[in-house]
Amino acid sequence: MDVIIYHNPQCGTSRNTLGLIRNAGIEPHIIEYLKTPPARLLLRQLIARMGVAVPDVIREKGRPYHELGLGDQSLSDDQ
């Protein structure tokens, strides 16, 4: 099985998820997304494959979310 994790080693949830994957006997490909951000097209593809809306994958904690007004319901996915 080929598993890819977009990982943030500073995030407890991300570290726990990586641990669960490894405990299942799988060594995933690890992409530290803060060092190597995915391209916009890849993000679109990943979100589509997950079957969720763009707002569902946006981290709400922290400054960028509030500073950029990402909670604004009138924003399109492209915005």
Protein backbone atom coordinates (compact mmCIF):
# COMPACT_ATOMS: atom_id res chain seq x y z
CA MET A 1 0.00 0.00 0.00
CA ASP A 2 1.38 3.41 -0.95
CA VAL A 3 0.51 6.02 1.71
CA ILE A 4 1.39 9.70 1.62
CA ILE A 5 1.01 11.94 4.64
CA TYR A 6 1.18 15.71 4.43
CA HIS A 7 2.83 16.21 7.78
CA ASN A 8 3.61 19.00 10.21
CA PRO A 9 6.02 17.66 12.84
CA GLN A 10 5.06 20.54 15.18
CA CYS A 11 1.40 19.44 15.20
CA GLY A 12 0.32 16.86 17.78
CA THR A 13 -2.52 15.58 15.60
CA SER A 14 -0.15 15.11 12.68
CA ARG A 15 2.41 13.30 14.87
CA ASN A 16 -0.33 11.04 16.27
CA THR A 17 -1.62 10.24 12.79
CA LEU A 18 1.89 9.39 11.60
CA GLY A 19 2.26 7.12 14.64
CA LEU A 20 -1.00 5.33 13.86
CA ILE A 21 0.10 4.74 10.27
CA ARG A 22 3.45 3.36 11.40
CA ASN A 23 1.81 1.21 14.11
CA ALA A 24 -0.23 -0.37 11.31
CA GLY A 25 3.05 -1.51 9.79
CA ILE A 26 3.10 1.06 7.02
CA GLU A 27 6.00 3.42 6.37
CA PRO A 28 4.41 6.34 4.54
CA HIS A 29 5.94 8.86 2.20
CA ILE A 30 6.16 11.99 4.35
CA ILE A 31 5.75 15.43 2.84
CA GLU A 32 6.32 18.28 5.27
CA TYR A 33 3.82 20.65 3.72
CA LEU A 34 5.23 23.74 5.42
CA LYS A 35 8.59 23.11 3.72
CA THR A 36 7.13 21.84 0.45
CA PRO A 37 3.63 23.26 -0.01
CA PRO A 38 1.45 21.45 -2.54
CA ALA A 39 0.55 23.29 -5.72
CA ARG A 40 -2.95 24.71 -6.08
CA LEU A 41 -3.90 22.02 -8.63
CA LEU A 42 -2.80 19.24 -6.28
CA LEU A 43 -4.79 20.79 -3.43
CA ARG A 44 -7.88 20.85 -5.64
CA GLN A 45 -7.35 17.21 -6.58
CA LEU A 46 -6.83 16.08 -2.99
CA ILE A 47 -9.90 17.94 -1.75
CA ALA A 48 -12.00 16.48 -4.57
CA ARG A 49 -10.75 12.95 -3.76
CA MET A 50 -11.69 13.47 -0.10
CA GLY A 51 -15.20 14.48 -1.12
CA VAL A 52 -15.24 17.51 1.19
CA ALA A 53 -15.61 21.24 0.74
CA VAL A 54 -12.61 23.59 0.76
CA PRO A 55 -13.61 25.19 4.10
CA ASP A 56 -13.53 21.72 5.69
CA VAL A 57 -9.78 21.46 5.21
CA ILE A 58 -8.80 24.95 6.34
CA ARG A 59 -7.22 25.19 9.77
CA GLU A 60 -9.24 27.68 11.81
CA LYS A 61 -6.80 28.05 14.70
CA GLY A 62 -4.22 30.79 14.46
CA ARG A 63 -3.73 34.09 12.80
CA PRO A 64 -3.85 33.35 9.06
CA TYR A 65 -7.46 32.17 9.22
CA HIS A 66 -8.69 35.28 11.02
CA GLU A 67 -6.34 37.78 9.37
CA LEU A 68 -7.38 36.65 5.90
CA GLY A 69 -11.07 36.48 6.79
CA LEU A 70 -11.30 32.85 5.67
CA GLY A 71 -14.48 32.32 7.70
CA ASP A 72 -16.36 34.61 5.30
CA GLN A 73 -19.12 32.42 3.84
CA SER A 74 -19.24 34.54 0.66
CA LEU A 75 -15.73 33.48 -0.41
CA SER A 76 -15.51 31.12 -3.37
CA ASP A 77 -13.25 28.08 -3.34
CA ASP A 78 -10.78 29.93 -5.57
CA GLN A 79 -10.65 32.88 -3.23
